[in-house]
């Protein structure tokens, strides 16, 4: 029996650019990757700790990360990225359910390039 995931048609990107999607919710992570697959090669991580290890092995061209995750949240992840001279050039987009203005400032203060509230529209993410 073929599962839904196996039946899904894989879209191959013609781009050489890589996007790392860091999200602990597998459905949201797959959705973002699927939406970006035509324009980018996508890599996935379920938390910030796993993502940082992946970034240090192969630096992506863009990082899209949920803010609240186990192991290491994206505020800590973004701070570590922006403090590392070898990877601090990588743009970071933070996705969050936290919508208070001070949360937005916190994300931007640590060096995030964009802070997008959930629920989000993929066109907004792509335009960043």
PDB file of N, CA and C in Angstrom:
ATOM      1  N   UNK A   1       0.842  -1.183   0.000  1.00  0.00           N
ATOM      2  CA  UNK A   1       0.000   0.000   0.000  1.00  0.00           C
ATOM      3  C   UNK A   1       0.885   1.244   0.000  1.00  0.00           C
ATOM      4  N   UNK A   2       0.560   2.202  -0.840  1.00  0.00           N
ATOM      5  CA  UNK A   2       1.332   3.436  -0.956  1.00  0.00           C
ATOM      6  C   UNK A   2       0.789   4.465   0.024  1.00  0.00           C
ATOM      7  N   UNK A   3       1.689   5.043   0.802  1.00  0.00           N
ATOM      8  CA  UNK A   3       1.275   6.081   1.740  1.00  0.00           C
ATOM      9  C   UNK A   3       1.125   7.413   1.001  1.00  0.00           C
ATOM     10  N   UNK A   4       0.494   8.359   1.662  1.00  0.00           N
ATOM     11  CA  UNK A   4       0.290   9.684   1.078  1.00  0.00           C
ATOM     12  C   UNK A   4       1.624  10.341   0.748  1.00  0.00           C
ATOM     13  N   UNK A   5       2.602  10.193   1.638  1.00  0.00           N
ATOM     14  CA  UNK A   5       3.915  10.779   1.404  1.00  0.00           C
ATOM     15  C   UNK A   5       4.594  10.162   0.194  1.00  0.00           C
ATOM     16  N   UNK A   6       4.474   8.844   0.019  1.00  0.00           N
ATOM     17  CA  UNK A   6       5.088   8.170  -1.121  1.00  0.00           C
ATOM     18  C   UNK A   6       4.399   8.547  -2.420  1.00  0.00           C
ATOM     19  N   UNK A   7       3.115   8.833  -2.355  1.00  0.00           N
ATOM     20  CA  UNK A   7       2.355   9.187  -3.548  1.00  0.00           C
ATOM     21  C   UNK A   7       2.614  10.617  -3.990  1.00  0.00           C
ATOM     22  N   UNK A   8       3.125  11.444  -3.069  1.00  0.00           N
ATOM     23  CA  UNK A   8       3.389  12.837  -3.376  1.00  0.00           C
ATOM     24  C   UNK A   8       4.475  12.945  -4.443  1.00  0.00           C
ATOM     25  N   UNK A   9       4.232  13.749  -5.441  1.00  0.00           N
ATOM     26  CA  UNK A   9       5.205  13.928  -6.518  1.00  0.00           C
ATOM     27  C   UNK A   9       6.316  14.835  -6.018  1.00  0.00           C
ATOM     28  N   UNK A  10       7.550  14.382  -6.205  1.00  0.00           N
ATOM     29  CA  UNK A  10       8.703  15.178  -5.799  1.00  0.00           C
ATOM     30  C   UNK A  10       8.969  16.227  -6.872  1.00  0.00           C
ATOM     31  N   UNK A  11       9.026  17.476  -6.444  1.00  0.00           N
ATOM     32  CA  UNK A  11       9.348  18.567  -7.346  1.00  0.00           C
ATOM     33  C   UNK A  11      10.841  18.814  -7.225  1.00  0.00           C
ATOM     34  N   UNK A  12      11.522  18.878  -8.342  1.00  0.00           N
ATOM     35  CA  UNK A  12      12.962  19.114  -8.340  1.00  0.00           C
ATOM     36  C   UNK A  12      13.252  20.561  -8.679  1.00  0.00           C
ATOM     37  N   UNK A  13      14.023  21.181  -7.855  1.00  0.00           N
ATOM     38  CA  UNK A  13      14.410  22.567  -8.056  1.00  0.00           C
ATOM     39  C   UNK A  13      15.526  22.655  -9.076  1.00  0.00           C
ATOM     40  N   UNK A  14      15.469  23.684  -9.890  1.00  0.00           N
ATOM     41  CA  UNK A  14      16.542  23.946 -10.844  1.00  0.00           C
ATOM     42  C   UNK A  14      17.558  24.906 -10.238  1.00  0.00           C
ATOM     43  N   UNK A  15      17.278  25.364  -9.062  1.00  0.00           N
ATOM     44  CA  UNK A  15      18.151  26.306  -8.364  1.00  0.00           C
ATOM     45  C   UNK A  15      19.293  25.573  -7.678  1.00  0.00           C
ATOM     46  N   UNK A  16      20.345  26.299  -7.410  1.00  0.00           N
ATOM     47  CA  UNK A  16      21.459  25.746  -6.634  1.00  0.00           C
ATOM     48  C   UNK A  16      21.388  26.220  -5.193  1.00  0.00           C
ATOM     49  N   UNK A  17      20.367  26.955  -4.859  1.00  0.00           N
ATOM     50  CA  UNK A  17      20.226  27.516  -3.516  1.00  0.00           C
ATOM     51  C   UNK A  17      19.547  26.522  -2.579  1.00  0.00           C
ATOM     52  N   UNK A  18      19.997  26.542  -1.322  1.00  0.00           N
ATOM     53  CA  UNK A  18      19.464  25.655  -0.292  1.00  0.00           C
ATOM     54  C   UNK A  18      18.787  26.467   0.806  1.00  0.00           C
ATOM     55  N   UNK A  19      17.630  25.978   1.235  1.00  0.00           N
ATOM     56  CA  UNK A  19      16.909  26.571   2.360  1.00  0.00           C
ATOM     57  C   UNK A  19      16.802  25.507   3.444  1.00  0.00           C
ATOM     58  N   UNK A  20      17.155  25.910   4.663  1.00  0.00           N
ATOM     59  CA  UNK A  20      16.991  25.019   5.806  1.00  0.00           C
ATOM     60  C   UNK A  20      15.723  25.419   6.528  1.00  0.00           C
ATOM     61  N   UNK A  21      14.794  24.483   6.672  1.00  0.00           N
ATOM     62  CA  UNK A  21      13.534  24.711   7.369  1.00  0.00           C
ATOM     63  C   UNK A  21      13.636  24.028   8.726  1.00  0.00           C
ATOM     64  N   UNK A  22      13.519  24.849   9.783  1.00  0.00           N
ATOM     65  CA  UNK A  22      13.650  24.346  11.151  1.00  0.00           C
ATOM     66  C   UNK A  22      12.288  24.499  11.821  1.00  0.00           C
ATOM     67  N   UNK A  23      11.631  23.378  12.065  1.00  0.00           N
ATOM     68  CA  UNK A  23      10.257  23.383  12.595  1.00  0.00           C
ATOM     69  C   UNK A  23      10.018  22.063  13.294  1.00  0.00           C
ATOM     70  N   UNK A  24       9.526  22.116  14.534  1.00  0.00           N
ATOM     71  CA  UNK A  24       9.282  20.874  15.275  1.00  0.00           C
ATOM     72  C   UNK A  24       7.999  20.170  14.863  1.00  0.00           C
ATOM     73  N   UNK A  25       7.068  20.864  14.234  1.00  0.00           N
ATOM     74  CA  UNK A  25       5.827  20.247  13.769  1.00  0.00           C
ATOM     75  C   UNK A  25       6.078  19.676  12.365  1.00  0.00           C
ATOM     76  N   UNK A  26       6.056  18.340  12.227  1.00  0.00           N
ATOM     77  CA  UNK A  26       6.386  17.731  10.932  1.00  0.00           C
ATOM     78  C   UNK A  26       5.454  18.150   9.792  1.00  0.00           C
ATOM     79  N   UNK A  27       4.187  18.373  10.075  1.00  0.00           N
ATOM     80  CA  UNK A  27       3.254  18.779   9.018  1.00  0.00           C
ATOM     81  C   UNK A  27       3.591  20.160   8.475  1.00  0.00           C
ATOM     82  N   UNK A  28       3.864  21.102   9.372  1.00  0.00           N
ATOM     83  CA  UNK A  28       4.218  22.456   8.943  1.00  0.00           C
ATOM     84  C   UNK A  28       5.558  22.431   8.216  1.00  0.00           C
ATOM     85  N   UNK A  29       6.512  21.662   8.735  1.00  0.00           N
ATOM     86  CA  UNK A  29       7.829  21.563   8.104  1.00  0.00           C
ATOM     87  C   UNK A  29       7.709  21.025   6.687  1.00  0.00           C
ATOM     88  N   UNK A  30       6.932  19.960   6.498  1.00  0.00           N
ATOM     89  CA  UNK A  30       6.745  19.390   5.157  1.00  0.00           C
ATOM     90  C   UNK A  30       6.025  20.366   4.240  1.00  0.00           C
ATOM     91  N   UNK A  31       5.037  21.083   4.777  1.00  0.00           N
ATOM     92  CA  UNK A  31       4.297  22.070   3.981  1.00  0.00           C
ATOM     93  C   UNK A  31       5.244  23.152   3.453  1.00  0.00           C
ATOM     94  N   UNK A  32       6.070  23.702   4.330  1.00  0.00           N
ATOM     95  CA  UNK A  32       7.002  24.761   3.912  1.00  0.00           C
ATOM     96  C   UNK A  32       7.973  24.217   2.864  1.00  0.00           C
ATOM     97  N   UNK A  33       8.522  23.052   3.107  1.00  0.00           N
ATOM     98  CA  UNK A  33       9.459  22.445   2.149  1.00  0.00           C
ATOM     99  C   UNK A  33       8.796  22.192   0.805  1.00  0.00           C
ATOM    100  N   UNK A  34       7.588  21.689   0.835  1.00  0.00           N
ATOM    101  CA  UNK A  34       6.857  21.411  -0.405  1.00  0.00           C
ATOM    102  C   UNK A  34       6.614  22.699  -1.191  1.00  0.00           C
ATOM    103  N   UNK A  35       6.246  23.769  -0.486  1.00  0.00           N
ATOM    104  CA  UNK A  35       5.971  25.051  -1.139  1.00  0.00           C
ATOM    105  C   UNK A  35       7.230  25.686  -1.746  1.00  0.00           C
ATOM    106  N   UNK A  36       8.365  25.412  -1.167  1.00  0.00           N
ATOM    107  CA  UNK A  36       9.619  26.004  -1.638  1.00  0.00           C
ATOM    108  C   UNK A  36      10.375  25.118  -2.625  1.00  0.00           C
ATOM    109  N   UNK A  37       9.942  23.882  -2.778  1.00  0.00           N
ATOM    110  CA  UNK A  37      10.678  22.881  -3.557  1.00  0.00           C
ATOM    111  C   UNK A  37      10.903  23.251  -5.012  1.00  0.00           C
ATOM    112  N   UNK A  38      10.020  24.017  -5.614  1.00  0.00           N
ATOM    113  CA  UNK A  38      10.189  24.380  -7.024  1.00  0.00           C
ATOM    114  C   UNK A  38      11.304  25.414  -7.202  1.00  0.00           C
ATOM    115  N   UNK A  39      11.576  26.184  -6.153  1.00  0.00           N
ATOM    116  CA  UNK A  39      12.554  27.268  -6.260  1.00  0.00           C
ATOM    117  C   UNK A  39      13.859  27.012  -5.517  1.00  0.00           C
ATOM    118  N   UNK A  40      13.843  26.080  -4.566  1.00  0.00           N
ATOM    119  CA  UNK A  40      15.024  25.831  -3.733  1.00  0.00           C
ATOM    120  C   UNK A  40      15.150  24.356  -3.410  1.00  0.00           C
ATOM    121  N   UNK A  41      16.366  23.934  -3.146  1.00  0.00           N
ATOM    122  CA  UNK A  41      16.573  22.632  -2.523  1.00  0.00           C
ATOM    123  C   UNK A  41      16.281  22.864  -1.044  1.00  0.00           C
ATOM    124  N   UNK A  42      15.581  21.961  -0.410  1.00  0.00           N
ATOM    125  CA  UNK A  42      15.231  22.160   0.992  1.00  0.00           C
ATOM    126  C   UNK A  42      15.885  21.110   1.873  1.00  0.00           C
ATOM    127  N   UNK A  43      16.310  21.568   3.032  1.00  0.00           N
ATOM    128  CA  UNK A  43      16.848  20.711   4.080  1.00  0.00           C
ATOM    129  C   UNK A  43      15.940  20.891   5.281  1.00  0.00           C
ATOM    130  N   UNK A  44      15.829  19.888   6.131  1.00  0.00           N
ATOM    131  CA  UNK A  44      14.919  19.950   7.276  1.00  0.00           C
ATOM    132  C   UNK A  44      15.627  19.632   8.583  1.00  0.00           C
ATOM    133  N   UNK A  45      15.198  20.342   9.635  1.00  0.00           N
ATOM    134  CA  UNK A  45      15.631  20.043  10.999  1.00  0.00           C
ATOM    135  C   UNK A  45      14.428  20.202  11.908  1.00  0.00           C
ATOM    136  N   UNK A  46      14.366  19.388  12.974  1.00  0.00           N
ATOM    137  CA  UNK A  46      13.222  19.485  13.887  1.00  0.00           C
ATOM    138  C   UNK A  46      13.459  20.371  15.087  1.00  0.00           C
ATOM    139  N   UNK A  47      14.700  20.832  15.283  1.00  0.00           N
ATOM    140  CA  UNK A  47      14.967  21.743  16.402  1.00  0.00           C
ATOM    141  C   UNK A  47      16.249  22.527  16.126  1.00  0.00           C
ATOM    142  N   UNK A  48      16.495  23.520  16.955  1.00  0.00           N
ATOM    143  CA  UNK A  48      17.641  24.384  16.750  1.00  0.00           C
ATOM    144  C   UNK A  48      18.983  23.700  16.919  1.00  0.00           C
ATOM    145  N   UNK A  49      19.062  22.758  17.845  1.00  0.00           N
ATOM    146  CA  UNK A  49      20.320  22.040  18.082  1.00  0.00           C
ATOM    147  C   UNK A  49      20.712  21.245  16.841  1.00  0.00           C
ATOM    148  N   UNK A  50      19.750  20.514  16.299  1.00  0.00           N
ATOM    149  CA  UNK A  50      19.979  19.733  15.089  1.00  0.00           C
ATOM    150  C   UNK A  50      20.306  20.668  13.917  1.00  0.00           C
ATOM    151  N   UNK A  51      19.608  21.790  13.844  1.00  0.00           N
ATOM    152  CA  UNK A  51      19.813  22.751  12.759  1.00  0.00           C
ATOM    153  C   UNK A  51      21.213  23.340  12.791  1.00  0.00           C
ATOM    154  N   UNK A  52      21.686  23.719  13.978  1.00  0.00           N
ATOM    155  CA  UNK A  52      23.020  24.321  14.086  1.00  0.00           C
ATOM    156  C   UNK A  52      24.089  23.355  13.593  1.00  0.00           C
ATOM    157  N   UNK A  53      23.960  22.092  13.955  1.00  0.00           N
ATOM    158  CA  UNK A  53      24.916  21.083  13.481  1.00  0.00           C
ATOM    159  C   UNK A  53      24.878  20.990  11.951  1.00  0.00           C
ATOM    160  N   UNK A  54      23.686  21.013  11.367  1.00  0.00           N
ATOM    161  CA  UNK A  54      23.538  20.941   9.910  1.00  0.00           C
ATOM    162  C   UNK A  54      24.129  22.179   9.233  1.00  0.00           C
ATOM    163  N   UNK A  55      23.900  23.351   9.827  1.00  0.00           N
ATOM    164  CA  UNK A  55      24.408  24.611   9.268  1.00  0.00           C
ATOM    165  C   UNK A  55      25.932  24.621   9.266  1.00  0.00           C
ATOM    166  N   UNK A  56      26.532  24.117  10.325  1.00  0.00           N
ATOM    167  CA  UNK A  56      27.992  24.094  10.412  1.00  0.00           C
ATOM    168  C   UNK A  56      28.604  23.106   9.422  1.00  0.00           C
ATOM    169  N   UNK A  57      27.850  22.064   9.051  1.00  0.00           N
ATOM    170  CA  UNK A  57      28.335  21.096   8.055  1.00  0.00           C
ATOM    171  C   UNK A  57      28.195  21.643   6.636  1.00  0.00           C
ATOM    172  N   UNK A  58      27.037  22.240   6.347  1.00  0.00           N
ATOM    173  CA  UNK A  58      26.763  22.781   5.009  1.00  0.00           C
ATOM    174  C   UNK A  58      25.881  23.998   5.182  1.00  0.00           C
ATOM    175  N   UNK A  59      26.471  25.156   4.995  1.00  0.00           N
ATOM    176  CA  UNK A  59      25.733  26.404   5.205  1.00  0.00           C
ATOM    177  C   UNK A  59      24.670  26.585   4.127  1.00  0.00           C
ATOM    178  N   UNK A  60      23.412  26.720   4.520  1.00  0.00           N
ATOM    179  CA  UNK A  60      22.348  26.969   3.546  1.00  0.00           C
ATOM    180  C   UNK A  60      22.374  28.438   3.112  1.00  0.00           C
ATOM    181  N   UNK A  61      21.599  28.759   2.096  1.00  0.00           N
ATOM    182  CA  UNK A  61      21.495  30.138   1.617  1.00  0.00           C
ATOM    183  C   UNK A  61      20.461  30.919   2.404  1.00  0.00           C
ATOM    184  N   UNK A  62      19.564  30.216   3.098  1.00  0.00           N
ATOM    185  CA  UNK A  62      18.500  30.844   3.870  1.00  0.00           C
ATOM    186  C   UNK A  62      18.056  29.869   4.954  1.00  0.00           C
ATOM    187  N   UNK A  63      17.663  30.423   6.101  1.00  0.00           N
ATOM    188  CA  UNK A  63      17.124  29.611   7.190  1.00  0.00           C
ATOM    189  C   UNK A  63      15.739  30.149   7.537  1.00  0.00           C
ATOM    190  N   UNK A  64      14.750  29.265   7.556  1.00  0.00           N
ATOM    191  CA  UNK A  64      13.403  29.609   7.988  1.00  0.00           C
ATOM    192  C   UNK A  64      13.140  28.773   9.228  1.00  0.00           C
ATOM    193  N   UNK A  65      12.862  29.438  10.350  1.00  0.00           N
ATOM    194  CA  UNK A  65      12.772  28.702  11.609  1.00  0.00           C
ATOM    195  C   UNK A  65      11.591  29.139  12.455  1.00  0.00           C
ATOM    196  N   UNK A  66      10.924  28.145  13.029  1.00  0.00           N
ATOM    197  CA  UNK A  66       9.908  28.383  14.040  1.00  0.00           C
ATOM    198  C   UNK A  66      10.626  28.901  15.283  1.00  0.00           C
ATOM    199  N   UNK A  67       9.985  29.758  16.057  1.00  0.00           N
ATOM    200  CA  UNK A  67      10.628  30.317  17.243  1.00  0.00           C
ATOM    201  C   UNK A  67      10.649  29.325  18.395  1.00  0.00           C
ATOM    202  N   UNK A  68       9.508  28.745  18.722  1.00  0.00           N
ATOM    203  CA  UNK A  68       9.419  27.885  19.907  1.00  0.00           C
ATOM    204  C   UNK A  68       9.600  26.418  19.519  1.00  0.00           C
ATOM    205  N   UNK A  69      10.739  25.849  19.964  1.00  0.00           N
ATOM    206  CA  UNK A  69      11.055  24.457  19.668  1.00  0.00           C
ATOM    207  C   UNK A  69      11.766  23.836  20.860  1.00  0.00           C
ATOM    208  N   UNK A  70      11.739  22.506  20.956  1.00  0.00           N
ATOM    209  CA  UNK A  70      12.502  21.837  22.012  1.00  0.00           C
ATOM    210  C   UNK A  70      13.997  21.861  21.679  1.00  0.00           C
ATOM    211  N   UNK A  71      14.818  21.487  22.634  1.00  0.00           N
ATOM    212  CA  UNK A  71      16.275  21.398  22.500  1.00  0.00           C
ATOM    213  C   UNK A  71      16.943  22.771  22.407  1.00  0.00           C
ATOM    214  N   UNK A  72      16.600  23.559  21.390  1.00  0.00           N
ATOM    215  CA  UNK A  72      17.123  24.915  21.247  1.00  0.00           C
ATOM    216  C   UNK A  72      16.112  25.714  20.443  1.00  0.00           C
ATOM    217  N   UNK A  73      15.632  26.823  21.009  1.00  0.00           N
ATOM    218  CA  UNK A  73      14.667  27.646  20.274  1.00  0.00           C
ATOM    219  C   UNK A  73      15.392  28.471  19.209  1.00  0.00           C
ATOM    220  N   UNK A  74      14.630  29.109  18.331  1.00  0.00           N
ATOM    221  CA  UNK A  74      15.266  29.819  17.231  1.00  0.00           C
ATOM    222  C   UNK A  74      15.880  31.145  17.650  1.00  0.00           C
ATOM    223  N   UNK A  75      15.478  31.698  18.800  1.00  0.00           N
ATOM    224  CA  UNK A  75      16.133  32.906  19.296  1.00  0.00           C
ATOM    225  C   UNK A  75      17.594  32.566  19.619  1.00  0.00           C
ATOM    226  N   UNK A  76      17.802  31.462  20.310  1.00  0.00           N
ATOM    227  CA  UNK A  76      19.159  31.007  20.627  1.00  0.00           C
ATOM    228  C   UNK A  76      19.895  30.619  19.354  1.00  0.00           C
ATOM    229  N   UNK A  77      19.222  29.899  18.464  1.00  0.00           N
ATOM    230  CA  UNK A  77      19.824  29.492  17.193  1.00  0.00           C
ATOM    231  C   UNK A  77      20.259  30.717  16.397  1.00  0.00           C
ATOM    232  N   UNK A  78      19.384  31.692  16.252  1.00  0.00           N
ATOM    233  CA  UNK A  78      19.698  32.895  15.487  1.00  0.00           C
ATOM    234  C   UNK A  78      20.873  33.643  16.127  1.00  0.00           C
ATOM    235  N   UNK A  79      20.856  33.755  17.429  1.00  0.00           N
ATOM    236  CA  UNK A  79      21.951  34.434  18.145  1.00  0.00           C
ATOM    237  C   UNK A  79      23.282  33.740  17.849  1.00  0.00           C
ATOM    238  N   UNK A  80      23.292  32.413  17.896  1.00  0.00           N
ATOM    239  CA  UNK A  80      24.539  31.666  17.633  1.00  0.00           C
ATOM    240  C   UNK A  80      24.987  31.826  16.181  1.00  0.00           C
ATOM    241  N   UNK A  81      24.041  31.851  15.274  1.00  0.00           N
ATOM    242  CA  UNK A  81      24.384  32.048  13.862  1.00  0.00           C
ATOM    243  C   UNK A  81      25.001  33.430  13.664  1.00  0.00           C
ATOM    244  N   UNK A  82      24.356  34.440  14.191  1.00  0.00           N
ATOM    245  CA  UNK A  82      24.803  35.818  13.970  1.00  0.00           C
ATOM    246  C   UNK A  82      26.100  36.143  14.713  1.00  0.00           C
ATOM    247  N   UNK A  83      26.461  35.347  15.723  1.00  0.00           N
ATOM    248  CA  UNK A  83      27.719  35.554  16.439  1.00  0.00           C
ATOM    249  C   UNK A  83      28.886  34.788  15.809  1.00  0.00           C
ATOM    250  N   UNK A  84      28.603  33.916  14.852  1.00  0.00           N
ATOM    251  CA  UNK A  84      29.636  33.099  14.219  1.00  0.00           C
ATOM    252  C   UNK A  84      30.024  33.742  12.895  1.00  0.00           C
ATOM    253  N   UNK A  85      31.249  34.223  12.799  1.00  0.00           N
ATOM    254  CA  UNK A  85      31.715  34.949  11.614  1.00  0.00           C
ATOM    255  C   UNK A  85      31.646  34.100  10.337  1.00  0.00           C
ATOM    256  N   UNK A  86      31.675  32.795  10.458  1.00  0.00           N
ATOM    257  CA  UNK A  86      31.638  31.916   9.284  1.00  0.00           C
ATOM    258  C   UNK A  86      30.242  31.748   8.695  1.00  0.00           C
ATOM    259  N   UNK A  87      29.202  32.000   9.497  1.00  0.00           N
ATOM    260  CA  UNK A  87      27.839  31.776   9.016  1.00  0.00           C
ATOM    261  C   UNK A  87      26.904  32.960   9.243  1.00  0.00           C
ATOM    262  N   UNK A  88      27.407  34.067   9.783  1.00  0.00           N
ATOM    263  CA  UNK A  88      26.518  35.180  10.143  1.00  0.00           C
ATOM    264  C   UNK A  88      25.924  35.922   8.958  1.00  0.00           C
ATOM    265  N   UNK A  89      26.366  35.608   7.761  1.00  0.00           N
ATOM    266  CA  UNK A  89      25.819  36.224   6.550  1.00  0.00           C
ATOM    267  C   UNK A  89      24.503  35.572   6.092  1.00  0.00           C
ATOM    268  N   UNK A  90      24.174  34.420   6.659  1.00  0.00           N
ATOM    269  CA  UNK A  90      22.987  33.677   6.225  1.00  0.00           C
ATOM    270  C   UNK A  90      21.731  34.383   6.730  1.00  0.00           C
ATOM    271  N   UNK A  91      20.804  34.738   5.836  1.00  0.00           N
ATOM    272  CA  UNK A  91      19.552  35.357   6.288  1.00  0.00           C
ATOM    273  C   UNK A  91      18.709  34.361   7.087  1.00  0.00           C
ATOM    274  N   UNK A  92      18.049  34.885   8.131  1.00  0.00           N
ATOM    275  CA  UNK A  92      17.207  34.061   9.002  1.00  0.00           C
ATOM    276  C   UNK A  92      15.810  34.677   9.060  1.00  0.00           C
ATOM    277  N   UNK A  93      14.812  33.873   8.721  1.00  0.00           N
ATOM    278  CA  UNK A  93      13.412  34.275   8.852  1.00  0.00           C
ATOM    279  C   UNK A  93      12.827  33.484  10.014  1.00  0.00           C
ATOM    280  N   UNK A  94      12.256  34.197  10.985  1.00  0.00           N
ATOM    281  CA  UNK A  94      11.634  33.544  12.131  1.00  0.00           C
ATOM    282  C   UNK A  94      10.122  33.526  11.960  1.00  0.00           C
ATOM    283  N   UNK A  95       9.523  32.361  12.203  1.00  0.00           N
ATOM    284  CA  UNK A  95       8.069  32.190  12.151  1.00  0.00           C
ATOM    285  C   UNK A  95       7.588  31.942  13.573  1.00  0.00           C
ATOM    286  N   UNK A  96       6.538  32.639  13.972  1.00  0.00           N
ATOM    287  CA  UNK A  96       6.105  32.479  15.354  1.00  0.00           C
ATOM    288  C   UNK A  96       4.626  32.720  15.563  1.00  0.00           C
ATOM    289  N   UNK A  97       4.104  32.100  16.603  1.00  0.00           N
ATOM    290  CA  UNK A  97       2.729  32.358  17.037  1.00  0.00           C
ATOM    291  C   UNK A  97       2.719  33.514  18.032  1.00  0.00           C
ATOM    292  N   UNK A  98       3.903  33.906  18.502  1.00  0.00           N
ATOM    293  CA  UNK A  98       4.017  35.029  19.445  1.00  0.00           C
ATOM    294  C   UNK A  98       3.891  36.331  18.649  1.00  0.00           C
ATOM    295  N   UNK A  99       2.840  37.088  18.933  1.00  0.00           N
ATOM    296  CA  UNK A  99       2.541  38.254  18.099  1.00  0.00           C
ATOM    297  C   UNK A  99       2.728  39.590  18.798  1.00  0.00           C
ATOM    298  N   UNK A 100       3.216  39.576  20.024  1.00  0.00           N
ATOM    299  CA  UNK A 100       3.421  40.840  20.726  1.00  0.00           C
ATOM    300  C   UNK A 100       4.557  41.609  20.069  1.00  0.00           C
ATOM    301  N   UNK A 101       4.445  42.916  20.091  1.00  0.00           N
ATOM    302  CA  UNK A 101       5.454  43.768  19.477  1.00  0.00           C
ATOM    303  C   UNK A 101       6.845  43.531  20.073  1.00  0.00           C
ATOM    304  N   UNK A 102       6.908  43.317  21.396  1.00  0.00           N
ATOM    305  CA  UNK A 102       8.214  43.087  22.020  1.00  0.00           C
ATOM    306  C   UNK A 102       8.852  41.787  21.555  1.00  0.00           C
ATOM    307  N   UNK A 103       8.027  40.784  21.198  1.00  0.00           N
ATOM    308  CA  UNK A 103       8.567  39.543  20.647  1.00  0.00           C
ATOM    309  C   UNK A 103       9.212  39.814  19.289  1.00  0.00           C
ATOM    310  N   UNK A 104       8.534  40.621  18.478  1.00  0.00           N
ATOM    311  CA  UNK A 104       9.056  40.996  17.174  1.00  0.00           C
ATOM    312  C   UNK A 104      10.395  41.719  17.327  1.00  0.00           C
ATOM    313  N   UNK A 105      10.457  42.669  18.247  1.00  0.00           N
ATOM    314  CA  UNK A 105      11.703  43.403  18.486  1.00  0.00           C
ATOM    315  C   UNK A 105      12.818  42.471  18.956  1.00  0.00           C
ATOM    316  N   UNK A 106      12.470  41.512  19.821  1.00  0.00           N
ATOM    317  CA  UNK A 106      13.481  40.574  20.319  1.00  0.00           C
ATOM    318  C   UNK A 106      14.098  39.804  19.151  1.00  0.00           C
ATOM    319  N   UNK A 107      13.250  39.312  18.251  1.00  0.00           N
ATOM    320  CA  UNK A 107      13.744  38.575  17.093  1.00  0.00           C
ATOM    321  C   UNK A 107      14.628  39.425  16.200  1.00  0.00           C
ATOM    322  N   UNK A 108      14.213  40.648  15.947  1.00  0.00           N
ATOM    323  CA  UNK A 108      15.001  41.534  15.094  1.00  0.00           C
ATOM    324  C   UNK A 108      16.270  42.009  15.793  1.00  0.00           C
ATOM    325  N   UNK A 109      16.203  42.202  17.101  1.00  0.00           N
ATOM    326  CA  UNK A 109      17.376  42.645  17.865  1.00  0.00           C
ATOM    327  C   UNK A 109      18.509  41.625  17.848  1.00  0.00           C
ATOM    328  N   UNK A 110      18.191  40.353  17.778  1.00  0.00           N
ATOM    329  CA  UNK A 110      19.254  39.341  17.774  1.00  0.00           C
ATOM    330  C   UNK A 110      19.811  39.093  16.380  1.00  0.00           C
ATOM    331  N   UNK A 111      19.238  39.774  15.385  1.00  0.00           N
ATOM    332  CA  UNK A 111      19.791  39.672  14.042  1.00  0.00           C
ATOM    333  C   UNK A 111      18.926  38.973  13.017  1.00  0.00           C
ATOM    334  N   UNK A 112      17.717  38.566  13.384  1.00  0.00           N
ATOM    335  CA  UNK A 112      16.831  37.938  12.396  1.00  0.00           C
ATOM    336  C   UNK A 112      16.548  38.944  11.279  1.00  0.00           C
ATOM    337  N   UNK A 113      16.450  38.456  10.070  1.00  0.00           N
ATOM    338  CA  UNK A 113      16.209  39.329   8.926  1.00  0.00           C
ATOM    339  C   UNK A 113      14.730  39.606   8.722  1.00  0.00           C
ATOM    340  N   UNK A 114      13.888  38.721   9.232  1.00  0.00           N
ATOM    341  CA  UNK A 114      12.439  38.931   9.172  1.00  0.00           C
ATOM    342  C   UNK A 114      11.793  38.140  10.297  1.00  0.00           C
ATOM    343  N   UNK A 115      10.645  38.627  10.745  1.00  0.00           N
ATOM    344  CA  UNK A 115       9.901  38.008  11.843  1.00  0.00           C
ATOM    345  C   UNK A 115       8.449  37.954  11.380  1.00  0.00           C
ATOM    346  N   UNK A 116       7.956  36.768  11.065  1.00  0.00           N
ATOM    347  CA  UNK A 116       6.621  36.605  10.488  1.00  0.00           C
ATOM    348  C   UNK A 116       5.735  35.841  11.463  1.00  0.00           C
ATOM    349  N   UNK A 117       4.554  36.394  11.728  1.00  0.00           N
ATOM    350  CA  UNK A 117       3.608  35.771  12.651  1.00  0.00           C
ATOM    351  C   UNK A 117       2.822  34.657  11.979  1.00  0.00           C
ATOM    352  N   UNK A 118       2.554  33.600  12.759  1.00  0.00           N
ATOM    353  CA  UNK A 118       1.683  32.509  12.311  1.00  0.00           C
ATOM    354  C   UNK A 118       0.247  32.877  12.650  1.00  0.00           C
ATOM    355  N   UNK A 119      -0.715  32.483  11.896  1.00  0.00           N
ATOM    356  CA  UNK A 119      -0.572  31.792  10.622  1.00  0.00           C
ATOM    357  C   UNK A 119      -0.001  32.748   9.580  1.00  0.00           C
ATOM    358  N   UNK A 120       0.770  32.209   8.681  1.00  0.00           N
ATOM    359  CA  UNK A 120       1.431  33.019   7.670  1.00  0.00           C
ATOM    360  C   UNK A 120       0.986  32.577   6.283  1.00  0.00           C
ATOM    361  N   UNK A 121       1.184  33.448   5.333  1.00  0.00           N
ATOM    362  CA  UNK A 121       0.891  33.140   3.938  1.00  0.00           C
ATOM    363  C   UNK A 121       2.234  32.863   3.276  1.00  0.00           C
ATOM    364  N   UNK A 122       2.348  31.777   2.530  1.00  0.00           N
ATOM    365  CA  UNK A 122       3.632  31.411   1.918  1.00  0.00           C
ATOM    366  C   UNK A 122       4.167  32.493   1.002  1.00  0.00           C
ATOM    367  N   UNK A 123       3.304  33.265   0.358  1.00  0.00           N
ATOM    368  CA  UNK A 123       3.794  34.347  -0.490  1.00  0.00           C
ATOM    369  C   UNK A 123       4.571  35.377   0.342  1.00  0.00           C
ATOM    370  N   UNK A 124       4.164  35.586   1.580  1.00  0.00           N
ATOM    371  CA  UNK A 124       4.881  36.509   2.462  1.00  0.00           C
ATOM    372  C   UNK A 124       6.269  35.958   2.768  1.00  0.00           C
ATOM    373  N   UNK A 125       6.361  34.678   3.016  1.00  0.00           N
ATOM    374  CA  UNK A 125       7.654  34.056   3.294  1.00  0.00           C
ATOM    375  C   UNK A 125       8.535  34.138   2.047  1.00  0.00           C
ATOM    376  N   UNK A 126       8.000  33.847   0.892  1.00  0.00           N
ATOM    377  CA  UNK A 126       8.777  33.867  -0.353  1.00  0.00           C
ATOM    378  C   UNK A 126       9.269  35.275  -0.698  1.00  0.00           C
ATOM    379  N   UNK A 127       8.523  36.294  -0.340  1.00  0.00           N
ATOM    380  CA  UNK A 127       8.910  37.670  -0.644  1.00  0.00           C
ATOM    381  C   UNK A 127      10.037  38.164   0.255  1.00  0.00           C
ATOM    382  N   UNK A 128      10.215  37.520   1.397  1.00  0.00           N
ATOM    383  CA  UNK A 128      11.278  37.946   2.311  1.00  0.00           C
ATOM    384  C   UNK A 128      12.587  37.570   1.706  1.00  0.00           C
TER     385      UNK A 128
END
